[in-house]
Every structure is written in structure tokens, then in C-alpha cells.
């Protein structure tokens, strides 16, 4: 992406992979080609995330098994964070563990109280192969952890236990998109 361009402005909205889709439940592969196809994927991911009114999106949510995610997410102080990370690694997750409402574009309309740390640091690369380090607190830390989970083949439901898990899985099975 060029400096100053609006993320997703040149992208196309892709179909969303929904809960239960095999690509959501398998670890993603490292990106090795930092060329125009990767830049196009990132643009498409931003366009798709904005169309779905989300704050983050992983590549496997649009059917690509690549280690890439995009975000446009506020932290708890309402500071907006916009960017992308290629081959991200969650290098720090700490602070206080908080249970807060968490949803996912791959489970539209559903959410559940999910435990996450309130601080997170992710390291990786830009589409141009430049190193990047992203630090998040509060809601943005939750977003970073959520997207990193996606790239490992996990969804937030996998972090739930007991009745919270049962309720989300049951509602997903009954949702119009889950049939």
C-alpha cells in the first residue's frame, strides 16, 4: 500500500468463511512472496473487513491460508489503530486477564464473554517486507490476540468452556448462515 492511501479503497469484498469452514480450523502458512498478490490480498481484506463492519480480519476468514491479518481497531482510550501484519507472532501477552464480549466476522451476530490479556505485542512484517512491531492495550490487545488465534487455526469459541461454549455453538448451528 502506498503511503497516505486509504486501506481497502482499491480492494474487492471477498466472501467470508464462516464458522465450521475447514480453513478456519487449520494453521496458516508463512508468507514467502511479498509481491503484488500479497498487496492485493491485504487491500481485499481491508475492503471485506469494512464491508462487514469489523475491527480485524485474518486471511483464512476470506479463504486464504496465509499468515496475514488487517485491523482498524480502537483501544480503550478510543485511539484508532489501523494496519496489517504479515507473518505475525504474538511475542507478548500480559497484564490483567479480562473477560469481555468477543465476536467474530465468521460467526456473525454472535458473541460471548472471552478471557484475554489486556496487553499484547505482535511482531511481523508489512506487505513490503519491512519489520513491524504492534503494541496494543485494552480492546486493541484483544483484537491482536483474536487475529493471531485465527492464524493458528483457532476461533474465540475454542477459548470458551462449559455453558458459554455450548450456547455459542448451539446458536451458530441454528443461525441462518450455519445451516
Protein backbone atom coordinates (compact mmCIF):
# COMPACT_ATOMS: atom_id res chain seq x y z
CA UNK A 1 0.00 0.00 0.00
CA UNK A 2 1.21 3.46 -0.80
CA UNK A 3 1.70 5.98 1.97
CA UNK A 4 -1.43 8.00 2.55
CA UNK A 5 -3.74 5.66 0.63
CA UNK A 6 -7.00 4.60 2.23
CA UNK A 7 -6.77 0.90 3.13
CA UNK A 8 -9.16 -1.19 1.08
CA UNK A 9 -10.08 1.59 -1.36
CA UNK A 10 -8.71 -0.46 -4.26
CA UNK A 11 -9.78 -3.81 -2.85
CA UNK A 12 -12.75 -6.02 -3.56
CA UNK A 13 -15.03 -7.55 -0.97
CA UNK A 14 -14.47 -11.29 -0.73
CA UNK A 15 -16.86 -13.93 0.60
CA UNK A 16 -16.47 -14.57 4.32
CA UNK A 17 -15.52 -18.04 5.54
CA UNK A 18 -18.00 -18.96 8.25
CA UNK A 19 -17.60 -20.98 11.44
CA UNK A 20 -17.09 -24.64 10.62
CA UNK A 21 -15.21 -23.96 7.40
CA UNK A 22 -12.07 -26.15 7.38
CA UNK A 23 -9.74 -23.26 6.52
CA UNK A 24 -10.65 -21.59 9.84
CA UNK A 25 -9.52 -24.61 11.82
CA UNK A 26 -6.07 -25.24 10.33
CA UNK A 27 -2.86 -23.30 10.97
CA UNK A 28 -1.96 -20.84 8.22
CA UNK A 29 1.23 -20.90 6.19
CA UNK A 30 4.06 -18.38 6.31
CA UNK A 31 4.07 -15.78 3.55
CA UNK A 32 7.17 -16.09 1.38
CA UNK A 33 6.20 -13.90 -1.59
CA UNK A 34 5.98 -10.21 -0.71
CA UNK A 35 4.82 -9.19 -4.19
CA UNK A 36 1.77 -7.55 -5.73
CA UNK A 37 -0.51 -10.53 -4.97
CA UNK A 38 0.08 -10.04 -1.24
CA UNK A 39 -0.60 -6.30 -1.51
CA UNK A 40 -3.82 -7.07 -3.39
CA UNK A 41 -4.87 -9.59 -0.73
CA UNK A 42 -4.34 -7.01 2.02
CA UNK A 43 -6.41 -4.45 0.08
CA UNK A 44 -9.19 -7.02 -0.37
CA UNK A 45 -9.05 -7.89 3.32
CA UNK A 46 -9.48 -4.26 4.35
CA UNK A 47 -12.41 -3.87 1.91
CA UNK A 48 -14.01 -7.06 3.26
CA UNK A 49 -13.48 -6.06 6.91
CA UNK A 50 -15.01 -2.63 6.33
CA UNK A 51 -17.97 -4.08 4.40
CA UNK A 52 -18.66 -6.44 7.31
CA UNK A 53 -18.17 -3.62 9.85
CA UNK A 54 -15.40 -5.45 11.68
CA UNK A 55 -12.29 -4.29 13.51
CA UNK A 56 -9.96 -7.09 12.37
CA UNK A 57 -9.77 -9.81 9.74
CA UNK A 58 -7.42 -12.74 9.19
CA UNK A 59 -6.62 -14.13 5.73
CA UNK A 60 -8.21 -17.50 6.44
CA UNK A 61 -11.52 -15.69 7.01
CA UNK A 62 -11.51 -14.94 3.28
CA UNK A 63 -10.34 -18.45 2.38
CA UNK A 64 -6.58 -17.80 2.18
CA UNK A 65 -4.37 -20.00 4.39
CA UNK A 66 -1.72 -17.31 4.78
CA UNK A 67 -0.36 -15.67 7.94
CA UNK A 68 -1.77 -12.16 7.38
CA UNK A 69 -4.24 -10.01 9.26
CA UNK A 70 -5.57 -6.46 9.00
CA UNK A 71 -7.07 -4.23 11.67
CA UNK A 72 -8.83 -0.91 12.22
CA UNK A 73 -9.49 -1.03 15.91
CA UNK A 74 -9.72 1.42 18.81
CA UNK A 75 -8.08 0.85 22.15
CA UNK A 76 -9.81 1.60 25.44
CA UNK A 77 -8.83 5.29 25.17
CA UNK A 78 -10.54 5.49 21.75
CA UNK A 79 -7.21 5.82 19.91
CA UNK A 80 -7.67 4.29 16.46
CA UNK A 81 -5.09 1.76 15.24
CA UNK A 82 -5.04 0.87 11.52
CA UNK A 83 -2.63 -1.53 9.87
CA UNK A 84 -1.74 -5.02 8.80
CA UNK A 85 0.80 -7.65 9.84
CA UNK A 86 2.30 -10.36 7.66
CA UNK A 87 3.71 -13.47 9.39
CA UNK A 88 2.71 -12.14 12.81
CA UNK A 89 3.95 -13.62 16.04
CA UNK A 90 2.33 -12.82 19.37
CA UNK A 91 5.51 -12.10 21.34
CA UNK A 92 3.90 -10.71 24.50
CA UNK A 93 0.54 -11.15 26.15
CA UNK A 94 0.29 -9.93 29.69
CA UNK A 95 -1.22 -7.59 32.18
CA UNK A 96 -4.61 -8.44 33.58
CA UNK A 97 -6.81 -11.21 32.20
CA UNK A 98 -10.24 -9.78 31.47
CA UNK A 99 -13.40 -11.50 30.33
CA UNK A 100 -15.12 -9.30 27.79
CA UNK A 101 -17.61 -9.63 24.95
CA UNK A 102 -15.97 -11.00 21.85
CA UNK A 103 -17.45 -11.64 18.44
CA UNK A 104 -16.11 -12.67 15.07
CA UNK A 105 -16.99 -11.90 11.47
CA UNK A 106 -17.01 -15.66 10.85
CA UNK A 107 -19.78 -16.05 13.45
CA UNK A 108 -21.99 -13.09 12.51
CA UNK A 109 -24.31 -11.82 15.20
CA UNK A 110 -22.85 -13.96 17.99
CA UNK A 111 -20.58 -13.09 20.89
CA UNK A 112 -19.52 -14.46 24.25
CA UNK A 113 -17.51 -13.40 27.26
CA UNK A 114 -13.96 -14.47 26.39
CA UNK A 115 -10.85 -14.15 28.53
CA UNK A 116 -7.91 -12.24 27.06
CA UNK A 117 -4.92 -10.33 28.38
CA UNK A 118 -5.27 -6.56 28.32
CA UNK A 119 -1.80 -6.04 26.80
CA UNK A 120 -0.32 -7.63 23.68
CA UNK A 121 2.62 -7.18 21.34
CA UNK A 122 2.77 -8.63 17.84
CA UNK A 123 5.82 -8.63 15.57
CA UNK A 124 5.89 -9.35 11.87
CA UNK A 125 6.28 -7.58 8.54
CA UNK A 126 4.48 -5.16 6.25
CA UNK A 127 3.45 -6.11 2.69
CA UNK A 128 6.78 -4.60 1.63
CA UNK A 129 8.73 -6.94 3.91
CA UNK A 130 9.62 -4.24 6.45
CA UNK A 131 9.68 -5.34 10.11
CA UNK A 132 6.78 -4.08 12.21
CA UNK A 133 6.00 -4.24 15.94
CA UNK A 134 2.45 -3.50 17.11
CA UNK A 135 1.63 -2.91 20.77
CA UNK A 136 -1.97 -2.95 21.96
CA UNK A 137 -3.82 -2.38 25.18
CA UNK A 138 -7.42 -2.99 26.16
CA UNK A 139 -9.79 -3.72 23.29
CA UNK A 140 -6.97 -3.43 20.73
CA UNK A 141 -4.94 -6.05 22.65
CA UNK A 142 -7.99 -8.32 22.46
CA UNK A 143 -8.14 -7.76 18.69
CA UNK A 144 -4.45 -8.61 18.20
CA UNK A 145 -4.79 -11.84 20.19
CA UNK A 146 -8.01 -12.77 18.37
CA UNK A 147 -6.42 -12.35 14.92
CA UNK A 148 -3.27 -14.27 15.93
CA UNK A 149 -5.52 -17.10 17.14
CA UNK A 150 -7.19 -17.22 13.70
CA UNK A 151 -3.82 -17.77 12.03
CA UNK A 152 -3.18 -20.72 14.34
CA UNK A 153 -6.48 -22.28 13.30
CA UNK A 154 -8.45 -21.20 16.37
CA UNK A 155 -11.60 -19.12 16.80
CA UNK A 156 -12.71 -17.46 20.03
CA UNK A 157 -15.17 -20.31 20.62
CA UNK A 158 -12.16 -22.58 21.18
CA UNK A 159 -11.31 -20.50 24.26
CA UNK A 160 -14.75 -20.96 25.77
CA UNK A 161 -15.78 -23.72 28.15
CA UNK A 162 -18.98 -25.00 29.67
CA UNK A 163 -22.26 -23.25 29.00
CA UNK A 164 -20.60 -20.29 27.22
CA UNK A 165 -19.18 -22.61 24.58
CA UNK A 166 -22.34 -24.69 24.35
CA UNK A 167 -24.50 -21.58 23.89
CA UNK A 168 -22.39 -20.14 21.04
CA UNK A 169 -22.05 -23.47 19.22
CA UNK A 170 -25.80 -24.08 19.54
CA UNK A 171 -26.65 -20.59 18.28
CA UNK A 172 -24.22 -20.99 15.37
CA UNK A 173 -25.88 -24.26 14.36
CA UNK A 174 -29.30 -22.57 14.43
CA UNK A 175 -28.21 -19.37 12.63
CA UNK A 176 -29.34 -18.95 9.02
CA UNK A 177 -25.70 -18.87 7.94
CA UNK A 178 -24.91 -22.03 9.96
CA UNK A 179 -27.25 -24.35 8.11
